[in-house]
Amino acid sequence: MNTNTDNIILHNVTPEQLKTMLQELIQEEVEQMFTKLQETMGEDDLISTGTASRLLGVCTKKFRVLAELGYFDVYSHLKERRFSRGGILRYRNQYKLKKRRRLQ
């Protein structure tokens, strides 16, 4: 007797509905991979306050407040404050709203 509840049985699903379901699933996975790839590649990249605020979509004053509250690791480079691109992207993606895109 098989009690595995992970099985999916498709009844009364049209080929078009199945195609749409698979496209949505693949799109979600690609977006997750892209996000992880961006974070990993940005780990060693130090960016300025202006670039970080643009990535987050906030003004530099708001970004400075967030940095002073300790949301981001601050690095000093040539007497300037720098931030890890990966850390900024992780913070942004944590609060990013999921947009529902329809594949055509």
N, C-alpha and C. Protein backbone atom coordinates (compact mmCIF):
# COMPACT_ATOMS: atom_id res chain seq x y z
N MET A 1 0.84 -1.18 0.00
CA MET A 1 0.00 0.00 0.00
C MET A 1 0.89 1.24 0.00
N ASN A 2 0.73 2.09 -0.97
CA ASN A 2 1.53 3.30 -1.11
C ASN A 2 0.83 4.46 -0.42
N THR A 3 1.50 5.05 0.59
CA THR A 3 0.91 6.18 1.31
C THR A 3 1.64 7.47 1.03
N ASN A 4 2.39 7.51 -0.05
CA ASN A 4 3.15 8.70 -0.41
C ASN A 4 2.18 9.78 -0.90
N THR A 5 2.17 10.93 -0.23
CA THR A 5 1.25 12.02 -0.58
C THR A 5 1.89 13.04 -1.51
N ASP A 6 3.13 12.78 -1.96
CA ASP A 6 3.81 13.71 -2.85
C ASP A 6 3.43 13.52 -4.31
N ASN A 7 2.66 12.50 -4.61
CA ASN A 7 2.27 12.23 -5.99
C ASN A 7 1.24 13.24 -6.46
N ILE A 8 1.34 13.62 -7.72
CA ILE A 8 0.38 14.53 -8.31
C ILE A 8 -0.33 13.79 -9.43
N ILE A 9 -1.62 13.82 -9.38
CA ILE A 9 -2.42 13.17 -10.41
C ILE A 9 -3.22 14.27 -11.11
N LEU A 10 -3.08 14.32 -12.43
CA LEU A 10 -3.76 15.34 -13.21
C LEU A 10 -5.00 14.75 -13.87
N HIS A 11 -6.13 15.26 -13.50
CA HIS A 11 -7.40 14.87 -14.13
C HIS A 11 -8.05 16.12 -14.68
N ASN A 12 -8.63 16.01 -15.82
CA ASN A 12 -9.37 17.11 -16.43
C ASN A 12 -8.54 18.37 -16.61
N VAL A 13 -7.26 18.22 -16.92
CA VAL A 13 -6.40 19.36 -17.19
C VAL A 13 -6.14 19.38 -18.69
N THR A 14 -6.45 20.51 -19.28
CA THR A 14 -6.23 20.63 -20.72
C THR A 14 -4.74 20.81 -20.99
N PRO A 15 -4.32 20.48 -22.20
CA PRO A 15 -2.90 20.69 -22.53
C PRO A 15 -2.47 22.15 -22.34
N GLU A 16 -3.34 23.09 -22.63
CA GLU A 16 -3.01 24.51 -22.46
C GLU A 16 -2.83 24.86 -20.97
N GLN A 17 -3.68 24.31 -20.11
CA GLN A 17 -3.55 24.54 -18.67
C GLN A 17 -2.25 23.94 -18.15
N LEU A 18 -1.92 22.75 -18.62
CA LEU A 18 -0.68 22.09 -18.21
C LEU A 18 0.53 22.91 -18.67
N LYS A 19 0.48 23.39 -19.89
CA LYS A 19 1.56 24.22 -20.42
C LYS A 19 1.73 25.47 -19.56
N THR A 20 0.64 26.13 -19.21
CA THR A 20 0.70 27.34 -18.38
C THR A 20 1.27 27.02 -17.00
N MET A 21 0.86 25.92 -16.42
CA MET A 21 1.36 25.54 -15.10
C MET A 21 2.87 25.29 -15.15
N LEU A 22 3.32 24.59 -16.17
CA LEU A 22 4.75 24.30 -16.31
C LEU A 22 5.55 25.57 -16.57
N GLN A 23 5.03 26.49 -17.39
CA GLN A 23 5.72 27.74 -17.65
C GLN A 23 5.88 28.56 -16.36
N GLU A 24 4.84 28.62 -15.55
CA GLU A 24 4.91 29.36 -14.29
C GLU A 24 5.93 28.74 -13.35
N LEU A 25 5.95 27.43 -13.28
CA LEU A 25 6.90 26.72 -12.42
C LEU A 25 8.33 26.98 -12.87
N ILE A 26 8.57 26.88 -14.17
CA ILE A 26 9.91 27.11 -14.71
C ILE A 26 10.33 28.56 -14.50
N GLN A 27 9.42 29.51 -14.71
CA GLN A 27 9.72 30.93 -14.52
C GLN A 27 10.12 31.22 -13.08
N GLU A 28 9.42 30.65 -12.12
CA GLU A 28 9.76 30.83 -10.71
C GLU A 28 11.16 30.29 -10.40
N GLU A 29 11.47 29.12 -10.93
CA GLU A 29 12.78 28.52 -10.69
C GLU A 29 13.90 29.35 -11.32
N VAL A 30 13.67 29.85 -12.52
CA VAL A 30 14.67 30.68 -13.20
C VAL A 30 14.91 31.96 -12.41
N GLU A 31 13.84 32.58 -11.91
CA GLU A 31 13.98 33.80 -11.12
C GLU A 31 14.76 33.53 -9.84
N GLN A 32 14.51 32.41 -9.18
CA GLN A 32 15.26 32.05 -7.97
C GLN A 32 16.74 31.84 -8.29
N MET A 33 17.03 31.15 -9.38
CA MET A 33 18.42 30.92 -9.76
C MET A 33 19.11 32.24 -10.09
N PHE A 34 18.42 33.13 -10.79
CA PHE A 34 18.98 34.42 -11.16
C PHE A 34 19.28 35.24 -9.91
N THR A 35 18.37 35.21 -8.94
CA THR A 35 18.57 35.95 -7.69
C THR A 35 19.79 35.42 -6.94
N LYS A 36 19.89 34.12 -6.82
CA LYS A 36 21.04 33.51 -6.14
C LYS A 36 22.34 33.83 -6.86
N LEU A 37 22.31 33.79 -8.18
CA LEU A 37 23.49 34.08 -8.97
C LEU A 37 23.93 35.53 -8.78
N GLN A 38 22.97 36.47 -8.78
CA GLN A 38 23.29 37.88 -8.55
C GLN A 38 23.93 38.08 -7.18
N GLU A 39 23.36 37.45 -6.15
CA GLU A 39 23.90 37.59 -4.80
C GLU A 39 25.31 37.03 -4.71
N THR A 40 25.53 35.86 -5.29
CA THR A 40 26.84 35.21 -5.23
C THR A 40 27.89 36.01 -5.97
N MET A 41 27.55 36.50 -7.15
CA MET A 41 28.52 37.26 -7.92
C MET A 41 28.79 38.62 -7.29
N GLY A 42 27.84 39.15 -6.53
CA GLY A 42 28.00 40.46 -5.92
C GLY A 42 28.68 40.45 -4.57
N GLU A 43 29.02 39.27 -4.04
CA GLU A 43 29.61 39.18 -2.71
C GLU A 43 30.93 39.94 -2.61
N ASP A 44 31.76 39.85 -3.63
CA ASP A 44 33.07 40.49 -3.58
C ASP A 44 33.06 41.90 -4.15
N ASP A 45 31.93 42.34 -4.64
CA ASP A 45 31.83 43.65 -5.28
C ASP A 45 31.41 44.69 -4.24
N LEU A 46 32.25 45.68 -4.01
CA LEU A 46 31.93 46.76 -3.09
C LEU A 46 31.42 47.96 -3.88
N ILE A 47 30.29 48.50 -3.45
CA ILE A 47 29.66 49.59 -4.18
C ILE A 47 29.50 50.81 -3.29
N SER A 48 29.32 51.95 -3.92
CA SER A 48 29.19 53.22 -3.19
C SER A 48 27.78 53.39 -2.63
N THR A 49 27.62 54.43 -1.83
CA THR A 49 26.31 54.75 -1.25
C THR A 49 25.30 55.05 -2.35
N GLY A 50 25.70 55.80 -3.36
CA GLY A 50 24.80 56.14 -4.46
C GLY A 50 24.31 54.94 -5.22
N THR A 51 25.22 54.04 -5.53
CA THR A 51 24.84 52.82 -6.25
C THR A 51 23.93 51.95 -5.40
N ALA A 52 24.26 51.83 -4.11
CA ALA A 52 23.43 51.02 -3.22
C ALA A 52 22.03 51.60 -3.10
N SER A 53 21.92 52.91 -2.99
CA SER A 53 20.59 53.51 -2.87
C SER A 53 19.80 53.34 -4.16
N ARG A 54 20.47 53.39 -5.32
CA ARG A 54 19.78 53.14 -6.59
C ARG A 54 19.29 51.69 -6.69
N LEU A 55 20.12 50.76 -6.24
CA LEU A 55 19.70 49.35 -6.26
C LEU A 55 18.47 49.11 -5.40
N LEU A 56 18.39 49.83 -4.28
CA LEU A 56 17.25 49.67 -3.38
C LEU A 56 16.06 50.52 -3.79
N GLY A 57 16.31 51.52 -4.62
CA GLY A 57 15.21 52.40 -5.03
C GLY A 57 14.82 53.40 -3.97
N VAL A 58 15.79 53.82 -3.15
CA VAL A 58 15.53 54.81 -2.11
C VAL A 58 16.51 55.96 -2.27
N CYS A 59 16.19 57.09 -1.64
CA CYS A 59 17.12 58.22 -1.71
C CYS A 59 18.32 57.93 -0.80
N THR A 60 19.39 58.68 -1.00
CA THR A 60 20.62 58.44 -0.23
C THR A 60 20.42 58.71 1.25
N LYS A 61 19.55 59.65 1.60
CA LYS A 61 19.28 59.93 3.03
C LYS A 61 18.66 58.70 3.70
N LYS A 62 17.68 58.10 3.04
CA LYS A 62 17.03 56.90 3.58
C LYS A 62 18.04 55.76 3.67
N PHE A 63 18.89 55.63 2.66
CA PHE A 63 19.88 54.57 2.69
C PHE A 63 20.86 54.76 3.85
N ARG A 64 21.30 55.98 4.07
CA ARG A 64 22.22 56.25 5.18
C ARG A 64 21.60 55.87 6.52
N VAL A 65 20.31 56.15 6.67
CA VAL A 65 19.62 55.76 7.91
C VAL A 65 19.63 54.25 8.05
N LEU A 66 19.33 53.53 6.99
CA LEU A 66 19.35 52.06 7.03
C LEU A 66 20.74 51.54 7.37
N ALA A 67 21.77 52.16 6.79
CA ALA A 67 23.14 51.73 7.06
C ALA A 67 23.52 52.00 8.51
N GLU A 68 23.12 53.15 9.03
CA GLU A 68 23.42 53.48 10.43
C GLU A 68 22.68 52.57 11.40
N LEU A 69 21.52 52.08 11.00
CA LEU A 69 20.77 51.15 11.85
C LEU A 69 21.36 49.74 11.80
N GLY A 70 22.34 49.52 10.95
CA GLY A 70 23.05 48.24 10.91
C GLY A 70 22.48 47.21 9.97
N TYR A 71 21.71 47.62 9.00
CA TYR A 71 21.15 46.67 8.05
C TYR A 71 22.18 46.14 7.06
N PHE A 72 23.27 46.88 6.88
CA PHE A 72 24.29 46.50 5.90
C PHE A 72 25.67 46.56 6.54
N ASP A 73 26.54 45.69 6.08
CA ASP A 73 27.93 45.74 6.50
C ASP A 73 28.61 46.89 5.77
N VAL A 74 29.37 47.69 6.53
CA VAL A 74 30.04 48.85 5.96
C VAL A 74 31.54 48.55 5.89
N TYR A 75 32.12 48.81 4.73
CA TYR A 75 33.55 48.63 4.52
C TYR A 75 34.15 49.99 4.18
N SER A 76 35.37 50.21 4.63
CA SER A 76 36.07 51.45 4.31
C SER A 76 37.07 51.17 3.20
N HIS A 77 36.99 51.97 2.16
CA HIS A 77 37.89 51.83 1.02
C HIS A 77 38.31 53.22 0.58
N LEU A 78 39.59 53.53 0.74
CA LEU A 78 40.12 54.85 0.38
C LEU A 78 39.31 55.97 1.07
N LYS A 79 39.06 55.80 2.34
CA LYS A 79 38.33 56.75 3.19
C LYS A 79 36.89 56.96 2.75
N GLU A 80 36.35 56.02 2.00
CA GLU A 80 34.95 56.09 1.58
C GLU A 80 34.22 54.86 2.10
N ARG A 81 32.95 55.04 2.36
CA ARG A 81 32.13 53.91 2.82
C ARG A 81 31.67 53.11 1.61
N ARG A 82 31.85 51.81 1.68
CA ARG A 82 31.43 50.91 0.61
C ARG A 82 30.57 49.81 1.21
N PHE A 83 29.75 49.20 0.36
CA PHE A 83 28.81 48.18 0.80
C PHE A 83 28.88 46.99 -0.15
N SER A 84 28.63 45.82 0.38
CA SER A 84 28.65 44.61 -0.44
C SER A 84 27.40 44.57 -1.31
N ARG A 85 27.62 44.42 -2.62
CA ARG A 85 26.48 44.34 -3.55
C ARG A 85 25.58 43.15 -3.20
N GLY A 86 26.18 42.03 -2.80
CA GLY A 86 25.39 40.86 -2.44
C GLY A 86 24.49 41.12 -1.24
N GLY A 87 24.99 41.84 -0.24
CA GLY A 87 24.18 42.18 0.93
C GLY A 87 23.03 43.10 0.58
N ILE A 88 23.30 44.06 -0.28
CA ILE A 88 22.25 44.99 -0.73
C ILE A 88 21.17 44.24 -1.50
N LEU A 89 21.58 43.34 -2.39
CA LEU A 89 20.61 42.58 -3.18
C LEU A 89 19.79 41.64 -2.30
N ARG A 90 20.42 41.03 -1.29
CA ARG A 90 19.67 40.17 -0.37
C ARG A 90 18.60 40.98 0.36
N TYR A 91 18.96 42.16 0.83
CA TYR A 91 18.01 43.02 1.54
C TYR A 91 16.87 43.41 0.60
N ARG A 92 17.22 43.80 -0.62
CA ARG A 92 16.20 44.21 -1.59
C ARG A 92 15.25 43.06 -1.90
N ASN A 93 15.79 41.88 -2.13
CA ASN A 93 14.95 40.74 -2.49
C ASN A 93 14.10 40.26 -1.33
N GLN A 94 14.52 40.54 -0.12
CA GLN A 94 13.74 40.15 1.06
C GLN A 94 12.43 40.91 1.10
N TYR A 95 12.43 42.16 0.65
CA TYR A 95 11.23 43.00 0.70
C TYR A 95 10.60 43.25 -0.67
N LYS A 96 11.12 42.57 -1.66
CA LYS A 96 10.63 42.76 -3.03
C LYS A 96 9.25 42.13 -3.16
N LEU A 97 8.36 42.83 -3.80
CA LEU A 97 7.02 42.30 -4.04
C LEU A 97 7.07 41.38 -5.25
N LYS A 98 6.39 40.27 -5.12
CA LYS A 98 6.33 39.33 -6.23
C LYS A 98 5.34 39.86 -7.26
N LYS A 99 5.83 40.06 -8.47
CA LYS A 99 4.96 40.50 -9.55
C LYS A 99 4.52 39.27 -10.34
N ARG A 100 3.28 39.21 -10.61
CA ARG A 100 2.75 38.08 -11.37
C ARG A 100 2.84 38.42 -12.85
N ARG A 101 3.70 37.70 -13.54
CA ARG A 101 3.86 37.92 -14.97
C ARG A 101 3.20 36.79 -15.73
N ARG A 102 2.50 37.15 -16.74
CA ARG A 102 1.86 36.13 -17.59
C ARG A 102 2.76 35.88 -18.78
N LEU A 103 3.08 34.64 -18.99
CA LEU A 103 3.87 34.25 -20.15
C LEU A 103 2.96 34.14 -21.36
N GLN A 104 3.43 34.62 -22.45
CA GLN A 104 2.58 34.63 -23.66
C GLN A 104 3.07 33.58 -24.62
